[in-house]
Amino acid sequence: MKKILLLLLFASCADATTTRLSRVEGDFMSITSMLKMFKVNAGRYPTEEEGLAALVEKPATYPVDGRWSKTLDKIPVDPWGAPYRFVLLDGELGIYTTGKDGISHSKGNDPDDWNTWSENFEPAEPPMFPFNRSGAVALTLITVLGCSWLYQANRKTASPRASS
C-alpha cells in the first residue's frame, strides 16, 4: 500500500507541471485576445510601459478617438503569483511569464521563462518525473487502475462473510 501511495505522489508531482503549463497556455490565449481587442479599439497595442495595466485602467496616452473598455479587473498573474508581461517583437505581440523564480533578465528569454514566441514552446522547469504530458497522464491512469484492482483484490480476500 505504501508503494501505491508513493506512486500516486509521484504521478501528482508530474501532473503539477502539466497543470501549470495548461494554465499558462490558457492565460496566454486570453491575454492575447484582450490585447488584440485593445488594438482594434485603440489602433495600437499598449506600449510596454503601459503594460497589461492598460486593460485594467485607461492609459493617459490612449488615443482620444479610441473606444477604450475595461477588459480586466486586475492584471493576471502566473501560477507562481507574478504578473504576466508582454513585449512587441517587430510589431508582433509576445506574452511571457517569468517562471518559478519571478525574474526575467531578457524580457521572456531566460531559460525558466515561458513565452509565446519560442518555437515548440516547452517550459524549462523540469518535471519531477522524466515524462512528457501524455506519459504523466498514462502513469496516473495506470496508478488509479492499479489501486482499484488492489482494492478489489483485498476486499475479496479480507474476512469472508460468516455463512448462516
N, C-alpha and C. Protein backbone atom coordinates (compact mmCIF):
# COMPACT_ATOMS: atom_id res chain seq x y z
N MET A 1 0.82 -1.19 0.00
CA MET A 1 0.00 0.00 0.00
C MET A 1 0.87 1.26 0.00
N LYS A 2 1.99 1.22 0.73
CA LYS A 2 2.89 2.37 0.76
C LYS A 2 3.44 2.66 -0.63
N LYS A 3 3.74 1.60 -1.39
CA LYS A 3 4.27 1.79 -2.74
C LYS A 3 3.25 2.47 -3.63
N ILE A 4 2.01 2.11 -3.46
CA ILE A 4 0.95 2.72 -4.27
C ILE A 4 0.83 4.20 -3.93
N LEU A 5 0.85 4.52 -2.66
CA LEU A 5 0.76 5.92 -2.26
C LEU A 5 1.94 6.72 -2.80
N LEU A 6 3.12 6.11 -2.79
CA LEU A 6 4.30 6.76 -3.34
C LEU A 6 4.15 7.00 -4.83
N LEU A 7 3.63 6.02 -5.55
CA LEU A 7 3.39 6.19 -6.98
C LEU A 7 2.38 7.31 -7.25
N LEU A 8 1.34 7.36 -6.43
CA LEU A 8 0.36 8.43 -6.59
C LEU A 8 0.98 9.80 -6.35
N LEU A 9 1.85 9.89 -5.37
CA LEU A 9 2.54 11.14 -5.08
C LEU A 9 3.37 11.56 -6.28
N PHE A 10 4.16 10.64 -6.84
CA PHE A 10 4.99 10.96 -8.00
C PHE A 10 4.13 11.36 -9.19
N ALA A 11 3.04 10.67 -9.38
CA ALA A 11 2.15 10.98 -10.51
C ALA A 11 1.58 12.38 -10.35
N SER A 12 1.19 12.76 -9.14
CA SER A 12 0.63 14.08 -8.93
C SER A 12 1.69 15.16 -9.11
N CYS A 13 2.94 14.88 -8.76
CA CYS A 13 4.02 15.84 -8.97
C CYS A 13 4.27 16.03 -10.46
N ALA A 14 4.23 14.96 -11.22
CA ALA A 14 4.42 15.06 -12.67
C ALA A 14 3.28 15.86 -13.28
N ASP A 15 2.08 15.70 -12.75
CA ASP A 15 0.94 16.43 -13.27
C ASP A 15 0.98 17.91 -12.89
N ALA A 16 1.71 18.30 -11.85
CA ALA A 16 1.78 19.70 -11.44
C ALA A 16 2.35 20.56 -12.56
N THR A 17 3.41 20.10 -13.22
CA THR A 17 3.98 20.85 -14.33
C THR A 17 3.00 20.90 -15.49
N THR A 18 2.32 19.80 -15.75
CA THR A 18 1.33 19.77 -16.82
C THR A 18 0.20 20.74 -16.52
N THR A 19 -0.23 20.81 -15.27
CA THR A 19 -1.29 21.72 -14.88
C THR A 19 -0.84 23.17 -15.06
N ARG A 20 0.37 23.49 -14.62
CA ARG A 20 0.90 24.85 -14.80
C ARG A 20 0.96 25.21 -16.28
N LEU A 21 1.48 24.28 -17.07
CA LEU A 21 1.61 24.53 -18.50
C LEU A 21 0.25 24.78 -19.13
N SER A 22 -0.75 23.99 -18.77
CA SER A 22 -2.10 24.18 -19.31
C SER A 22 -2.66 25.53 -18.91
N ARG A 23 -2.45 25.90 -17.66
CA ARG A 23 -2.96 27.20 -17.19
C ARG A 23 -2.28 28.34 -17.94
N VAL A 24 -0.95 28.27 -18.07
CA VAL A 24 -0.21 29.33 -18.75
C VAL A 24 -0.65 29.43 -20.21
N GLU A 25 -0.80 28.29 -20.87
CA GLU A 25 -1.24 28.32 -22.27
C GLU A 25 -2.62 28.98 -22.39
N GLY A 26 -3.53 28.65 -21.48
CA GLY A 26 -4.86 29.27 -21.49
C GLY A 26 -4.78 30.76 -21.21
N ASP A 27 -3.96 31.13 -20.24
CA ASP A 27 -3.79 32.56 -19.93
C ASP A 27 -3.20 33.30 -21.12
N PHE A 28 -2.21 32.70 -21.78
CA PHE A 28 -1.61 33.33 -22.96
C PHE A 28 -2.69 33.62 -24.02
N MET A 29 -3.57 32.65 -24.24
CA MET A 29 -4.63 32.84 -25.25
C MET A 29 -5.59 33.95 -24.84
N SER A 30 -5.98 33.97 -23.57
CA SER A 30 -6.91 35.00 -23.08
C SER A 30 -6.29 36.39 -23.16
N ILE A 31 -5.06 36.51 -22.71
CA ILE A 31 -4.39 37.81 -22.71
C ILE A 31 -4.18 38.29 -24.15
N THR A 32 -3.79 37.37 -25.03
CA THR A 32 -3.61 37.74 -26.44
C THR A 32 -4.92 38.28 -27.01
N SER A 33 -6.01 37.61 -26.71
CA SER A 33 -7.32 38.04 -27.20
C SER A 33 -7.66 39.44 -26.69
N MET A 34 -7.42 39.70 -25.40
CA MET A 34 -7.74 41.01 -24.83
C MET A 34 -6.85 42.10 -25.42
N LEU A 35 -5.58 41.78 -25.65
CA LEU A 35 -4.68 42.77 -26.24
C LEU A 35 -5.05 43.06 -27.69
N LYS A 36 -5.51 42.05 -28.41
CA LYS A 36 -5.95 42.28 -29.79
C LYS A 36 -7.20 43.16 -29.81
N MET A 37 -8.09 42.97 -28.84
CA MET A 37 -9.27 43.84 -28.74
C MET A 37 -8.85 45.27 -28.43
N PHE A 38 -7.86 45.44 -27.57
CA PHE A 38 -7.32 46.76 -27.28
C PHE A 38 -6.84 47.40 -28.58
N LYS A 39 -6.13 46.62 -29.40
CA LYS A 39 -5.59 47.15 -30.66
C LYS A 39 -6.72 47.54 -31.61
N VAL A 40 -7.78 46.74 -31.66
CA VAL A 40 -8.92 47.09 -32.51
C VAL A 40 -9.50 48.43 -32.09
N ASN A 41 -9.63 48.64 -30.79
CA ASN A 41 -10.23 49.88 -30.27
C ASN A 41 -9.29 51.07 -30.34
N ALA A 42 -8.01 50.86 -30.08
CA ALA A 42 -7.06 51.98 -29.99
C ALA A 42 -6.24 52.18 -31.27
N GLY A 43 -6.23 51.17 -32.13
CA GLY A 43 -5.40 51.27 -33.33
C GLY A 43 -3.95 50.89 -33.07
N ARG A 44 -3.68 50.43 -31.88
CA ARG A 44 -2.32 50.02 -31.48
C ARG A 44 -2.40 49.12 -30.27
N TYR A 45 -1.33 48.37 -30.04
CA TYR A 45 -1.22 47.62 -28.78
C TYR A 45 -0.80 48.58 -27.69
N PRO A 46 -1.03 48.24 -26.43
CA PRO A 46 -0.47 49.08 -25.36
C PRO A 46 1.05 49.11 -25.51
N THR A 47 1.64 50.18 -25.05
CA THR A 47 3.10 50.23 -25.04
C THR A 47 3.59 49.31 -23.92
N GLU A 48 4.86 48.95 -23.98
CA GLU A 48 5.41 48.10 -22.90
C GLU A 48 5.37 48.85 -21.58
N GLU A 49 5.50 50.17 -21.62
CA GLU A 49 5.42 50.96 -20.39
C GLU A 49 4.01 50.91 -19.80
N GLU A 50 2.99 50.96 -20.68
CA GLU A 50 1.60 50.87 -20.20
C GLU A 50 1.32 49.46 -19.67
N GLY A 51 1.89 48.48 -20.32
CA GLY A 51 1.76 47.09 -19.90
C GLY A 51 0.31 46.62 -19.89
N LEU A 52 0.10 45.51 -19.19
CA LEU A 52 -1.25 44.95 -19.10
C LEU A 52 -2.18 45.81 -18.24
N ALA A 53 -1.61 46.78 -17.53
CA ALA A 53 -2.43 47.71 -16.75
C ALA A 53 -3.37 48.48 -17.68
N ALA A 54 -3.02 48.59 -18.96
CA ALA A 54 -3.87 49.28 -19.94
C ALA A 54 -5.19 48.55 -20.16
N LEU A 55 -5.27 47.30 -19.74
CA LEU A 55 -6.53 46.55 -19.85
C LEU A 55 -7.39 46.73 -18.60
N VAL A 56 -6.79 47.28 -17.55
CA VAL A 56 -7.48 47.48 -16.28
C VAL A 56 -7.93 48.92 -16.12
N GLU A 57 -7.07 49.86 -16.53
CA GLU A 57 -7.35 51.28 -16.39
C GLU A 57 -6.92 52.00 -17.66
N LYS A 58 -7.75 52.93 -18.12
CA LYS A 58 -7.46 53.64 -19.37
C LYS A 58 -6.15 54.41 -19.25
N PRO A 59 -5.20 54.13 -20.14
CA PRO A 59 -3.91 54.83 -20.08
C PRO A 59 -4.07 56.32 -20.43
N ALA A 60 -3.23 57.14 -19.84
CA ALA A 60 -3.25 58.58 -20.11
C ALA A 60 -2.92 58.85 -21.58
N THR A 61 -2.17 57.97 -22.20
CA THR A 61 -1.75 58.16 -23.59
C THR A 61 -2.70 57.51 -24.60
N TYR A 62 -3.87 57.08 -24.13
CA TYR A 62 -4.83 56.40 -25.02
C TYR A 62 -5.35 57.40 -26.05
N PRO A 63 -5.49 56.98 -27.29
CA PRO A 63 -5.97 57.89 -28.35
C PRO A 63 -7.33 58.49 -28.00
N VAL A 64 -7.49 59.78 -28.24
CA VAL A 64 -8.72 60.48 -27.90
C VAL A 64 -9.91 59.88 -28.63
N ASP A 65 -9.71 59.47 -29.87
CA ASP A 65 -10.82 58.94 -30.67
C ASP A 65 -11.01 57.43 -30.50
N GLY A 66 -10.23 56.81 -29.62
CA GLY A 66 -10.34 55.37 -29.40
C GLY A 66 -11.46 55.02 -28.45
N ARG A 67 -12.01 53.80 -28.60
CA ARG A 67 -13.07 53.32 -27.70
C ARG A 67 -12.43 52.39 -26.68
N TRP A 68 -12.04 52.91 -25.55
CA TRP A 68 -11.42 52.07 -24.52
C TRP A 68 -12.50 51.38 -23.72
N SER A 69 -12.26 50.13 -23.40
CA SER A 69 -13.16 49.43 -22.48
C SER A 69 -12.33 48.57 -21.53
N LYS A 70 -12.74 48.56 -20.30
CA LYS A 70 -12.05 47.77 -19.28
C LYS A 70 -12.31 46.29 -19.57
N THR A 71 -11.22 45.52 -19.74
CA THR A 71 -11.39 44.10 -20.01
C THR A 71 -10.94 43.22 -18.85
N LEU A 72 -10.26 43.81 -17.88
CA LEU A 72 -9.79 43.05 -16.72
C LEU A 72 -10.04 43.84 -15.45
N ASP A 73 -10.31 43.13 -14.36
CA ASP A 73 -10.42 43.78 -13.05
C ASP A 73 -9.06 44.00 -12.42
N LYS A 74 -8.13 43.09 -12.74
CA LYS A 74 -6.76 43.22 -12.23
C LYS A 74 -5.82 42.54 -13.22
N ILE A 75 -4.56 42.87 -13.12
CA ILE A 75 -3.56 42.27 -14.01
C ILE A 75 -3.43 40.79 -13.68
N PRO A 76 -3.54 39.93 -14.69
CA PRO A 76 -3.46 38.48 -14.41
C PRO A 76 -2.07 38.07 -13.95
N VAL A 77 -2.04 37.06 -13.08
CA VAL A 77 -0.77 36.55 -12.56
C VAL A 77 -0.58 35.10 -12.99
N ASP A 78 0.67 34.72 -13.08
CA ASP A 78 1.01 33.35 -13.48
C ASP A 78 0.84 32.39 -12.30
N PRO A 79 1.08 31.10 -12.50
CA PRO A 79 0.88 30.13 -11.41
C PRO A 79 1.75 30.37 -10.18
N TRP A 80 2.77 31.22 -10.29
CA TRP A 80 3.65 31.49 -9.15
C TRP A 80 3.35 32.84 -8.53
N GLY A 81 2.32 33.54 -9.02
CA GLY A 81 1.90 34.81 -8.43
C GLY A 81 2.52 36.05 -9.03
N ALA A 82 3.34 35.93 -10.07
CA ALA A 82 3.94 37.10 -10.72
C ALA A 82 3.06 37.54 -11.89
N PRO A 83 3.01 38.85 -12.15
CA PRO A 83 2.17 39.30 -13.27
C PRO A 83 2.74 38.85 -14.62
N TYR A 84 1.82 38.55 -15.55
CA TYR A 84 2.24 38.26 -16.92
C TYR A 84 2.76 39.56 -17.53
N ARG A 85 3.59 39.42 -18.53
CA ARG A 85 4.16 40.58 -19.22
C ARG A 85 4.06 40.36 -20.71
N PHE A 86 4.25 41.42 -21.46
CA PHE A 86 4.28 41.27 -22.91
C PHE A 86 5.33 42.18 -23.51
N VAL A 87 5.74 41.83 -24.70
CA VAL A 87 6.69 42.63 -25.48
C VAL A 87 6.16 42.70 -26.90
N LEU A 88 6.62 43.70 -27.62
CA LEU A 88 6.32 43.79 -29.04
C LEU A 88 7.60 43.45 -29.78
N LEU A 89 7.55 42.39 -30.55
CA LEU A 89 8.69 41.91 -31.31
C LEU A 89 8.44 42.18 -32.78
N ASP A 90 9.08 43.21 -33.32
CA ASP A 90 8.85 43.60 -34.71
C ASP A 90 7.36 43.83 -34.98
N GLY A 91 6.69 44.50 -34.05
CA GLY A 91 5.28 44.80 -34.19
C GLY A 91 4.36 43.64 -33.81
N GLU A 92 4.93 42.47 -33.59
CA GLU A 92 4.13 41.31 -33.20
C GLU A 92 4.10 41.19 -31.68
N LEU A 93 3.00 40.70 -31.18
CA LEU A 93 2.78 40.59 -29.75
C LEU A 93 3.41 39.32 -29.19
N GLY A 94 4.12 39.43 -28.09
CA GLY A 94 4.66 38.28 -27.38
C GLY A 94 4.33 38.40 -25.91
N ILE A 95 3.83 37.34 -25.32
CA ILE A 95 3.47 37.35 -23.90
C ILE A 95 4.38 36.36 -23.19
N TYR A 96 4.79 36.70 -21.97
CA TYR A 96 5.65 35.79 -21.23
C TYR A 96 5.39 35.85 -19.74
N THR A 97 5.86 34.80 -19.09
CA THR A 97 5.84 34.73 -17.64
C THR A 97 7.28 34.49 -17.20
N THR A 98 7.62 35.01 -16.06
CA THR A 98 8.99 34.92 -15.58
C THR A 98 9.31 33.58 -14.93
N GLY A 99 8.35 32.68 -14.89
CA GLY A 99 8.60 31.35 -14.36
C GLY A 99 8.70 31.32 -12.85
N LYS A 100 9.23 30.22 -12.36
CA LYS A 100 9.26 29.95 -10.92
C LYS A 100 10.02 31.00 -10.12
N ASP A 101 11.13 31.54 -10.68
CA ASP A 101 11.94 32.50 -9.91
C ASP A 101 11.37 33.91 -9.93
N GLY A 102 10.39 34.20 -10.79
CA GLY A 102 9.76 35.51 -10.83
C GLY A 102 10.62 36.61 -11.40
N ILE A 103 11.72 36.25 -12.05
CA ILE A 103 12.66 37.24 -12.58
C ILE A 103 12.96 36.92 -14.04
N SER A 104 13.02 37.95 -14.86
CA SER A 104 13.46 37.78 -16.24
C SER A 104 14.50 38.84 -16.53
N HIS A 105 15.67 38.40 -16.96
CA HIS A 105 16.74 39.31 -17.31
C HIS A 105 16.73 39.62 -18.81
N SER A 106 15.83 38.96 -19.55
CA SER A 106 15.88 39.06 -21.01
C SER A 106 14.51 39.25 -21.66
N LYS A 107 13.57 39.83 -20.93
CA LYS A 107 12.22 40.04 -21.43
C LYS A 107 11.62 38.77 -22.00
N GLY A 108 11.67 37.70 -21.21
CA GLY A 108 10.99 36.47 -21.59
C GLY A 108 11.85 35.39 -22.21
N ASN A 109 13.16 35.61 -22.30
CA ASN A 109 14.04 34.62 -22.93
C ASN A 109 14.95 33.88 -21.97
N ASP A 110 14.79 34.09 -20.66
CA ASP A 110 15.58 33.31 -19.70
C ASP A 110 15.20 31.84 -19.83
N PRO A 111 16.09 30.93 -19.45
CA PRO A 111 15.77 29.50 -19.57
C PRO A 111 14.50 29.08 -18.81
N ASP A 112 14.18 29.75 -17.71
CA ASP A 112 12.99 29.36 -16.95
C ASP A 112 11.76 30.19 -17.29
N ASP A 113 11.87 31.16 -18.20
CA ASP A 113 10.72 31.94 -18.62
C ASP A 113 9.89 31.11 -19.60
N TRP A 114 8.60 31.32 -19.57
CA TRP A 114 7.70 30.67 -20.53
C TRP A 114 7.16 31.77 -21.41
N ASN A 115 7.17 31.60 -22.74
CA ASN A 115 6.72 32.66 -23.63
C ASN A 115 5.95 32.12 -24.82
N THR A 116 5.39 33.05 -25.61
CA THR A 116 4.58 32.66 -26.77
C THR A 116 5.35 32.62 -28.07
N TRP A 117 6.59 33.07 -28.08
CA TRP A 117 7.31 33.15 -29.34
C TRP A 117 8.35 32.06 -29.56
N SER A 118 8.67 31.30 -28.56
CA SER A 118 9.64 30.23 -28.75
C SER A 118 9.01 29.11 -29.56
N GLU A 119 9.74 28.62 -30.54
CA GLU A 119 9.23 27.50 -31.32
C GLU A 119 9.14 26.29 -30.41
N ASN A 120 8.09 25.52 -30.59
CA ASN A 120 7.86 24.33 -29.76
C ASN A 120 7.89 24.69 -28.28
N PHE A 121 7.09 25.68 -27.91
CA PHE A 121 7.03 26.15 -26.52
C PHE A 121 7.05 24.99 -25.54
N GLU A 122 8.06 24.93 -24.75
CA GLU A 122 8.19 23.90 -23.72
C GLU A 122 8.90 24.55 -22.54
N PRO A 123 8.29 24.59 -21.37
CA PRO A 123 8.90 25.26 -20.23
C PRO A 123 10.20 24.59 -19.80
N ALA A 124 11.10 25.40 -19.28
CA ALA A 124 12.39 24.87 -18.83
C ALA A 124 12.29 24.21 -17.47
N GLU A 125 11.19 24.45 -16.75
CA GLU A 125 11.05 23.85 -15.42
C GLU A 125 11.00 22.34 -15.56
N PRO A 126 11.97 21.63 -15.02
CA PRO A 126 11.95 20.17 -15.19
C PRO A 126 10.85 19.54 -14.35
N PRO A 127 10.14 18.58 -14.91
CA PRO A 127 9.13 17.90 -14.12
C PRO A 127 9.79 17.02 -13.07
N MET A 128 9.03 16.63 -12.07
CA MET A 128 9.54 15.75 -11.02
C MET A 128 9.85 14.37 -11.59
N PHE A 129 9.15 14.01 -12.63
CA PHE A 129 9.30 12.71 -13.27
C PHE A 129 9.70 12.96 -14.72
N PRO A 130 10.56 12.19 -15.30
CA PRO A 130 11.00 12.46 -16.67
C PRO A 130 9.99 12.00 -17.72
N PHE A 131 8.74 12.50 -17.62
CA PHE A 131 7.70 12.13 -18.57
C PHE A 131 7.22 13.38 -19.28
N ASN A 132 6.79 13.21 -20.51
CA ASN A 132 6.10 14.31 -21.16
C ASN A 132 4.66 14.29 -20.66
N ARG A 133 3.82 15.18 -21.20
CA ARG A 133 2.45 15.29 -20.70
C ARG A 133 1.68 13.98 -20.83
N SER A 134 1.77 13.34 -21.98
CA SER A 134 1.00 12.11 -22.16
C SER A 134 1.53 11.00 -21.25
N GLY A 135 2.83 10.97 -20.98
CA GLY A 135 3.39 9.98 -20.07
C GLY A 135 2.89 10.18 -18.65
N ALA A 136 2.75 11.43 -18.23
CA ALA A 136 2.25 11.71 -16.88
C ALA A 136 0.79 11.28 -16.77
N VAL A 137 0.02 11.53 -17.80
CA VAL A 137 -1.38 11.12 -17.78
C VAL A 137 -1.48 9.60 -17.75
N ALA A 138 -0.66 8.94 -18.57
CA ALA A 138 -0.68 7.47 -18.60
C ALA A 138 -0.29 6.89 -17.24
N LEU A 139 0.74 7.45 -16.60
CA LEU A 139 1.16 6.96 -15.29
C LEU A 139 0.05 7.13 -14.27
N THR A 140 -0.62 8.27 -14.31
CA THR A 140 -1.72 8.50 -13.38
C THR A 140 -2.84 7.48 -13.59
N LEU A 141 -3.18 7.25 -14.86
CA LEU A 141 -4.23 6.28 -15.17
C LEU A 141 -3.85 4.88 -14.71
N ILE A 142 -2.61 4.47 -14.97
CA ILE A 142 -2.14 3.15 -14.55
C ILE A 142 -2.20 3.04 -13.02
N THR A 143 -1.79 4.10 -12.34
CA THR A 143 -1.79 4.09 -10.88
C THR A 143 -3.21 3.94 -10.33
N VAL A 144 -4.14 4.70 -10.90
CA VAL A 144 -5.52 4.62 -10.44
C VAL A 144 -6.10 3.24 -10.70
N LEU A 145 -5.86 2.70 -11.89
CA LEU A 145 -6.36 1.36 -12.20
C LEU A 145 -5.73 0.31 -11.28
N GLY A 146 -4.44 0.44 -11.01
CA GLY A 146 -3.76 -0.49 -10.10
C GLY A 146 -4.34 -0.42 -8.70
N CYS A 147 -4.60 0.78 -8.22
CA CYS A 147 -5.18 0.94 -6.89
C CYS A 147 -6.56 0.32 -6.83
N SER A 148 -7.33 0.53 -7.89
CA SER A 148 -8.67 -0.05 -7.93
C SER A 148 -8.59 -1.57 -7.91
N TRP A 149 -7.69 -2.14 -8.71
CA TRP A 149 -7.52 -3.59 -8.76
C TRP A 149 -7.12 -4.13 -7.39
N LEU A 150 -6.14 -3.47 -6.73
CA LEU A 150 -5.70 -3.92 -5.42
C LEU A 150 -6.82 -3.82 -4.39
N TYR A 151 -7.60 -2.77 -4.46
CA TYR A 151 -8.71 -2.61 -3.53
C TYR A 151 -9.70 -3.76 -3.69
N GLN A 152 -10.04 -4.06 -4.94
CA GLN A 152 -10.97 -5.15 -5.20
C GLN A 152 -10.40 -6.49 -4.73
N ALA A 153 -9.10 -6.72 -4.98
CA ALA A 153 -8.47 -7.97 -4.58
C ALA A 153 -8.45 -8.10 -3.06
N ASN A 154 -8.13 -7.02 -2.35
CA ASN A 154 -8.11 -7.03 -0.89
C ASN A 154 -9.50 -7.22 -0.32
N ARG A 155 -10.48 -6.67 -0.96
CA ARG A 155 -11.85 -6.80 -0.50
C ARG A 155 -12.34 -8.25 -0.58
N LYS A 156 -11.92 -8.93 -1.65
CA LYS A 156 -12.33 -10.32 -1.82
C LYS A 156 -11.63 -11.25 -0.84
N THR A 157 -10.37 -10.93 -0.50
CA THR A 157 -9.61 -11.81 0.38
C THR A 157 -9.68 -11.40 1.84
N ALA A 158 -10.38 -10.32 2.14
CA ALA A 158 -10.49 -9.90 3.54
C ALA A 158 -11.28 -10.96 4.29
N SER A 159 -11.86 -10.64 5.33
CA SER A 159 -12.57 -11.67 6.10
C SER A 159 -13.81 -12.13 5.34
N PRO A 160 -13.91 -13.44 5.12
CA PRO A 160 -15.10 -13.94 4.43
C PRO A 160 -16.32 -13.77 5.31
N ARG A 161 -17.43 -13.62 4.64
CA ARG A 161 -18.68 -13.43 5.39
C ARG A 161 -19.03 -14.73 6.09
N ALA A 162 -19.54 -14.57 7.25
CA ALA A 162 -19.99 -15.75 8.00
C ALA A 162 -21.27 -16.25 7.36
N SER A 163 -21.27 -17.51 7.04
CA SER A 163 -22.48 -18.06 6.42
C SER A 163 -23.44 -18.54 7.52
N SER A 164 -24.70 -18.23 7.34
CA SER A 164 -25.68 -18.63 8.34
C SER A 164 -26.61 -19.64 7.78
